[in-house]
Amino acid sequence: MPNNKKVALTSSGLCWLWVAVIILVLDYTTKYAAKKYLMVYSPLAVMPGFNLSLSFNRGAAFSFLTNQAGWQVWFLGIVSSVVSVGILVWLSRVSRREAWTSIALCLVIGGALGNLLDRVLQGKVTDFIQLYVSHFYWPSFNVADSAICIGAVMLFWKTAFKKL
């Protein structure tokens, strides 16, 4: 009789978790570099419309809840944890052959865990990617935010077109 845990890991979407690990490592590494180098050189113009500029966010997307008394850090940490567990359960029920869905979910979980790690370790999320047009600036973001957005778009695309 085969070990059910081993079969579930190799035959389900959980075999794609390495994507989440890569996102988590990439996110942590870039945030570390941003905190180390952009404290001195911020903002750093990369090209027109693109700066590297260090900022910190105690809230959620677009600085939602930033000005609260601190409870939002715990709340958002709990939400990230619950979403991550939910995604792991979802991944365990997806076939490993459903690569598009599995990779999308792993991008979301990698990003969620990257920002969760920031919240747990420093009580705020490090952002450093700044895009702008003229004097209109998009809110700063990071690799984890990018992974979450890409994963969400992939899931939407899969749902909308169902043939992937």
C-alpha atoms as a PDB file:
ATOM      1  CA  MET A   1       0.000   0.000   0.000  1.00  0.00           C
ATOM      2  CA  PRO A   2       1.565   3.348  -1.045  1.00  0.00           C
ATOM      3  CA  ASN A   3       2.060   6.132   1.453  1.00  0.00           C
ATOM      4  CA  ASN A   4      -0.935   8.464   0.878  1.00  0.00           C
ATOM      5  CA  LYS A   5       1.013  11.589   1.865  1.00  0.00           C
ATOM      6  CA  LYS A   6       3.726  10.860  -0.679  1.00  0.00           C
ATOM      7  CA  VAL A   7       1.156  10.119  -3.397  1.00  0.00           C
ATOM      8  CA  ALA A   8      -0.738  13.361  -2.598  1.00  0.00           C
ATOM      9  CA  LEU A   9       2.472  15.383  -2.752  1.00  0.00           C
ATOM     10  CA  THR A  10       3.624  14.003  -6.095  1.00  0.00           C
ATOM     11  CA  SER A  11       0.253  13.617  -7.818  1.00  0.00           C
ATOM     12  CA  SER A  12      -1.371  16.876  -6.723  1.00  0.00           C
ATOM     13  CA  GLY A  13      -0.722  20.544  -7.318  1.00  0.00           C
ATOM     14  CA  LEU A  14       1.476  20.489  -4.214  1.00  0.00           C
ATOM     15  CA  CYS A  15       4.327  19.310  -6.440  1.00  0.00           C
ATOM     16  CA  TRP A  16       4.441  22.904  -7.767  1.00  0.00           C
ATOM     17  CA  LEU A  17       5.199  24.432  -4.333  1.00  0.00           C
ATOM     18  CA  TRP A  18       8.769  25.079  -5.470  1.00  0.00           C
ATOM     19  CA  VAL A  19       7.310  28.076  -7.362  1.00  0.00           C
ATOM     20  CA  ALA A  20       6.098  29.515  -4.044  1.00  0.00           C
ATOM     21  CA  VAL A  21       9.523  28.908  -2.485  1.00  0.00           C
ATOM     22  CA  ILE A  22      11.245  30.758  -5.354  1.00  0.00           C
ATOM     23  CA  ILE A  23       8.854  33.716  -4.941  1.00  0.00           C
ATOM     24  CA  LEU A  24       9.424  33.741  -1.183  1.00  0.00           C
ATOM     25  CA  VAL A  25      13.237  33.709  -1.564  1.00  0.00           C
ATOM     26  CA  LEU A  26      13.181  36.303  -4.350  1.00  0.00           C
ATOM     27  CA  ASP A  27      10.858  38.535  -2.336  1.00  0.00           C
ATOM     28  CA  TYR A  28      12.929  38.300   0.843  1.00  0.00           C
ATOM     29  CA  THR A  29      16.202  38.876  -1.038  1.00  0.00           C
ATOM     30  CA  THR A  30      14.940  41.938  -2.906  1.00  0.00           C
ATOM     31  CA  LYS A  31      13.402  43.433   0.242  1.00  0.00           C
ATOM     32  CA  TYR A  32      16.685  42.893   2.095  1.00  0.00           C
ATOM     33  CA  ALA A  33      18.627  44.596  -0.710  1.00  0.00           C
ATOM     34  CA  ALA A  34      16.114  47.439  -0.852  1.00  0.00           C
ATOM     35  CA  LYS A  35      16.429  48.090   2.890  1.00  0.00           C
ATOM     36  CA  LYS A  36      20.219  47.922   2.699  1.00  0.00           C
ATOM     37  CA  TYR A  37      20.846  50.071  -0.377  1.00  0.00           C
ATOM     38  CA  LEU A  38      17.805  52.283  -0.827  1.00  0.00           C
ATOM     39  CA  MET A  39      18.141  53.825   2.645  1.00  0.00           C
ATOM     40  CA  VAL A  40      21.033  55.767   1.125  1.00  0.00           C
ATOM     41  CA  TYR A  41      20.078  56.024  -2.548  1.00  0.00           C
ATOM     42  CA  SER A  42      16.286  56.359  -2.447  1.00  0.00           C
ATOM     43  CA  PRO A  43      14.714  57.154  -4.812  1.00  0.00           C
ATOM     44  CA  LEU A  44      16.888  55.569  -7.456  1.00  0.00           C
ATOM     45  CA  ALA A  45      15.784  56.362 -11.011  1.00  0.00           C
ATOM     46  CA  VAL A  46      16.027  53.221 -13.134  1.00  0.00           C
ATOM     47  CA  MET A  47      14.358  54.562 -16.262  1.00  0.00           C
ATOM     48  CA  PRO A  48      11.600  57.039 -17.079  1.00  0.00           C
ATOM     49  CA  GLY A  49       8.474  55.877 -15.280  1.00  0.00           C
ATOM     50  CA  PHE A  50      10.342  53.482 -12.966  1.00  0.00           C
ATOM     51  CA  ASN A  51      12.114  54.217  -9.675  1.00  0.00           C
ATOM     52  CA  LEU A  52      13.346  52.116  -6.814  1.00  0.00           C
ATOM     53  CA  SER A  53      12.120  53.920  -3.740  1.00  0.00           C
ATOM     54  CA  LEU A  54      11.995  52.466  -0.227  1.00  0.00           C
ATOM     55  CA  SER A  55       8.725  52.696   1.667  1.00  0.00           C
ATOM     56  CA  PHE A  56       6.931  50.724   4.352  1.00  0.00           C
ATOM     57  CA  ASN A  57       3.271  49.815   4.589  1.00  0.00           C
ATOM     58  CA  ARG A  58       1.586  48.810   7.849  1.00  0.00           C
ATOM     59  CA  GLY A  59      -1.713  48.271   6.053  1.00  0.00           C
ATOM     60  CA  ALA A  60      -2.957  46.270   3.103  1.00  0.00           C
ATOM     61  CA  ALA A  61      -3.031  47.043  -0.624  1.00  0.00           C
ATOM     62  CA  PHE A  62      -2.922  50.755  -1.490  1.00  0.00           C
ATOM     63  CA  SER A  63      -2.106  51.483   2.195  1.00  0.00           C
ATOM     64  CA  PHE A  64      -5.636  50.488   3.265  1.00  0.00           C
ATOM     65  CA  LEU A  65      -5.758  50.447   7.105  1.00  0.00           C
ATOM     66  CA  THR A  66      -2.275  52.011   7.428  1.00  0.00           C
ATOM     67  CA  ASN A  67      -3.342  54.648   9.932  1.00  0.00           C
ATOM     68  CA  GLN A  68      -4.907  52.227  12.406  1.00  0.00           C
ATOM     69  CA  ALA A  69      -3.504  51.637  15.889  1.00  0.00           C
ATOM     70  CA  GLY A  70      -1.637  48.414  15.121  1.00  0.00           C
ATOM     71  CA  TRP A  71      -4.420  45.825  15.213  1.00  0.00           C
ATOM     72  CA  GLN A  72      -4.333  45.709  11.400  1.00  0.00           C
ATOM     73  CA  VAL A  73      -0.910  44.034  11.446  1.00  0.00           C
ATOM     74  CA  TRP A  74      -2.337  41.091  13.390  1.00  0.00           C
ATOM     75  CA  PHE A  75      -5.559  41.049  11.399  1.00  0.00           C
ATOM     76  CA  LEU A  76      -3.742  41.027   8.051  1.00  0.00           C
ATOM     77  CA  GLY A  77      -1.319  38.396   9.350  1.00  0.00           C
ATOM     78  CA  ILE A  78      -4.219  36.144  10.333  1.00  0.00           C
ATOM     79  CA  VAL A  79      -5.929  36.710   6.971  1.00  0.00           C
ATOM     80  CA  SER A  80      -2.674  35.831   5.136  1.00  0.00           C
ATOM     81  CA  SER A  81      -2.291  32.679   7.217  1.00  0.00           C
ATOM     82  CA  VAL A  82      -5.870  31.524   6.640  1.00  0.00           C
ATOM     83  CA  VAL A  83      -5.639  32.240   2.886  1.00  0.00           C
ATOM     84  CA  SER A  84      -2.339  30.341   2.700  1.00  0.00           C
ATOM     85  CA  VAL A  85      -3.835  27.282   4.417  1.00  0.00           C
ATOM     86  CA  GLY A  86      -6.863  27.462   2.122  1.00  0.00           C
ATOM     87  CA  ILE A  87      -4.620  27.583  -0.940  1.00  0.00           C
ATOM     88  CA  LEU A  88      -2.616  24.595   0.317  1.00  0.00           C
ATOM     89  CA  VAL A  89      -5.842  22.608   0.673  1.00  0.00           C
ATOM     90  CA  TRP A  90      -6.903  23.715  -2.822  1.00  0.00           C
ATOM     91  CA  LEU A  91      -3.503  22.710  -4.234  1.00  0.00           C
ATOM     92  CA  SER A  92      -3.764  19.286  -2.623  1.00  0.00           C
ATOM     93  CA  ARG A  93      -7.013  18.732  -4.537  1.00  0.00           C
ATOM     94  CA  VAL A  94      -5.708  19.877  -7.927  1.00  0.00           C
ATOM     95  CA  SER A  95      -4.051  17.389 -10.265  1.00  0.00           C
ATOM     96  CA  ARG A  96      -0.351  17.984 -10.896  1.00  0.00           C
ATOM     97  CA  ARG A  97      -1.238  18.109 -14.618  1.00  0.00           C
ATOM     98  CA  GLU A  98      -3.221  21.299 -14.030  1.00  0.00           C
ATOM     99  CA  ALA A  99      -0.015  23.306 -14.171  1.00  0.00           C
ATOM    100  CA  TRP A 100      -1.616  26.689 -14.944  1.00  0.00           C
ATOM    101  CA  THR A 101      -3.885  26.564 -11.872  1.00  0.00           C
ATOM    102  CA  SER A 102      -1.160  25.139  -9.638  1.00  0.00           C
ATOM    103  CA  ILE A 103       1.410  27.754 -10.647  1.00  0.00           C
ATOM    104  CA  ALA A 104      -1.142  30.547 -10.206  1.00  0.00           C
ATOM    105  CA  LEU A 105      -1.971  29.323  -6.705  1.00  0.00           C
ATOM    106  CA  CYS A 106       1.728  28.972  -5.860  1.00  0.00           C
ATOM    107  CA  LEU A 107       2.374  32.550  -6.996  1.00  0.00           C
ATOM    108  CA  VAL A 108      -0.400  33.757  -4.681  1.00  0.00           C
ATOM    109  CA  ILE A 109       0.775  31.697  -1.714  1.00  0.00           C
ATOM    110  CA  GLY A 110       4.424  32.692  -2.251  1.00  0.00           C
ATOM    111  CA  GLY A 111       3.451  36.356  -2.307  1.00  0.00           C
ATOM    112  CA  ALA A 112       1.135  36.028   0.679  1.00  0.00           C
ATOM    113  CA  LEU A 113       3.859  34.318   2.704  1.00  0.00           C
ATOM    114  CA  GLY A 114       6.436  36.912   1.631  1.00  0.00           C
ATOM    115  CA  ASN A 115       4.325  39.764   2.950  1.00  0.00           C
ATOM    116  CA  LEU A 116       3.338  37.720   6.018  1.00  0.00           C
ATOM    117  CA  LEU A 117       7.025  37.226   6.827  1.00  0.00           C
ATOM    118  CA  ASP A 118       7.518  41.000   6.687  1.00  0.00           C
ATOM    119  CA  ARG A 119       4.527  41.623   8.957  1.00  0.00           C
ATOM    120  CA  VAL A 120       5.704  39.067  11.502  1.00  0.00           C
ATOM    121  CA  LEU A 121       9.353  40.174  11.517  1.00  0.00           C
ATOM    122  CA  GLN A 122       8.954  43.951  11.355  1.00  0.00           C
ATOM    123  CA  GLY A 123       5.254  44.807  11.694  1.00  0.00           C
ATOM    124  CA  LYS A 124       5.144  46.340   8.210  1.00  0.00           C
ATOM    125  CA  VAL A 125       5.688  45.377   4.591  1.00  0.00           C
ATOM    126  CA  THR A 126       8.680  46.666   2.653  1.00  0.00           C
ATOM    127  CA  ASP A 127       7.825  48.163  -0.736  1.00  0.00           C
ATOM    128  CA  PHE A 128      10.347  49.502  -3.224  1.00  0.00           C
ATOM    129  CA  ILE A 129       9.056  49.327  -6.809  1.00  0.00           C
ATOM    130  CA  GLN A 130       7.625  52.666  -7.898  1.00  0.00           C
ATOM    131  CA  LEU A 131       5.961  53.239 -11.266  1.00  0.00           C
ATOM    132  CA  TYR A 132       4.745  56.607 -12.486  1.00  0.00           C
ATOM    133  CA  VAL A 133       3.563  58.600 -15.470  1.00  0.00           C
ATOM    134  CA  SER A 134       4.302  62.322 -15.329  1.00  0.00           C
ATOM    135  CA  HIS A 135       3.377  63.283 -11.760  1.00  0.00           C
ATOM    136  CA  PHE A 136       0.916  60.399 -11.227  1.00  0.00           C
ATOM    137  CA  TYR A 137       2.458  57.658  -9.074  1.00  0.00           C
ATOM    138  CA  TRP A 138       1.173  54.127  -8.667  1.00  0.00           C
ATOM    139  CA  PRO A 139       1.421  52.959  -5.024  1.00  0.00           C
ATOM    140  CA  SER A 140       4.782  51.326  -4.331  1.00  0.00           C
ATOM    141  CA  PHE A 141       4.855  47.547  -4.316  1.00  0.00           C
ATOM    142  CA  ASN A 142       7.224  44.575  -4.108  1.00  0.00           C
ATOM    143  CA  VAL A 143       7.899  41.130  -5.605  1.00  0.00           C
ATOM    144  CA  ALA A 144       5.297  39.471  -3.351  1.00  0.00           C
ATOM    145  CA  ASP A 145       2.604  41.914  -4.474  1.00  0.00           C
ATOM    146  CA  SER A 146       3.559  41.276  -8.110  1.00  0.00           C
ATOM    147  CA  ALA A 147       3.343  37.503  -7.643  1.00  0.00           C
ATOM    148  CA  ILE A 148      -0.086  37.786  -6.006  1.00  0.00           C
ATOM    149  CA  CYS A 149      -1.375  39.950  -8.864  1.00  0.00           C
ATOM    150  CA  ILE A 150       0.053  37.696 -11.581  1.00  0.00           C
ATOM    151  CA  GLY A 151      -1.380  34.604  -9.861  1.00  0.00           C
ATOM    152  CA  ALA A 152      -4.789  36.260  -9.513  1.00  0.00           C
ATOM    153  CA  VAL A 153      -4.815  37.273 -13.193  1.00  0.00           C
ATOM    154  CA  MET A 154      -3.841  33.718 -14.164  1.00  0.00           C
ATOM    155  CA  LEU A 155      -6.737  32.321 -12.094  1.00  0.00           C
ATOM    156  CA  PHE A 156      -9.129  34.830 -13.651  1.00  0.00           C
ATOM    157  CA  TRP A 157      -7.865  33.948 -17.129  1.00  0.00           C
ATOM    158  CA  LYS A 158      -8.314  30.236 -16.401  1.00  0.00           C
ATOM    159  CA  THR A 159     -11.852  30.818 -15.177  1.00  0.00           C
ATOM    160  CA  ALA A 160     -12.774  33.113 -18.048  1.00  0.00           C
ATOM    161  CA  PHE A 161     -11.411  30.905 -20.820  1.00  0.00           C
ATOM    162  CA  LYS A 162     -11.580  27.405 -19.203  1.00  0.00           C
ATOM    163  CA  LYS A 163      -9.432  25.693 -21.860  1.00  0.00           C
ATOM    164  CA  LEU A 164      -6.020  26.026 -20.188  1.00  0.00           C
END
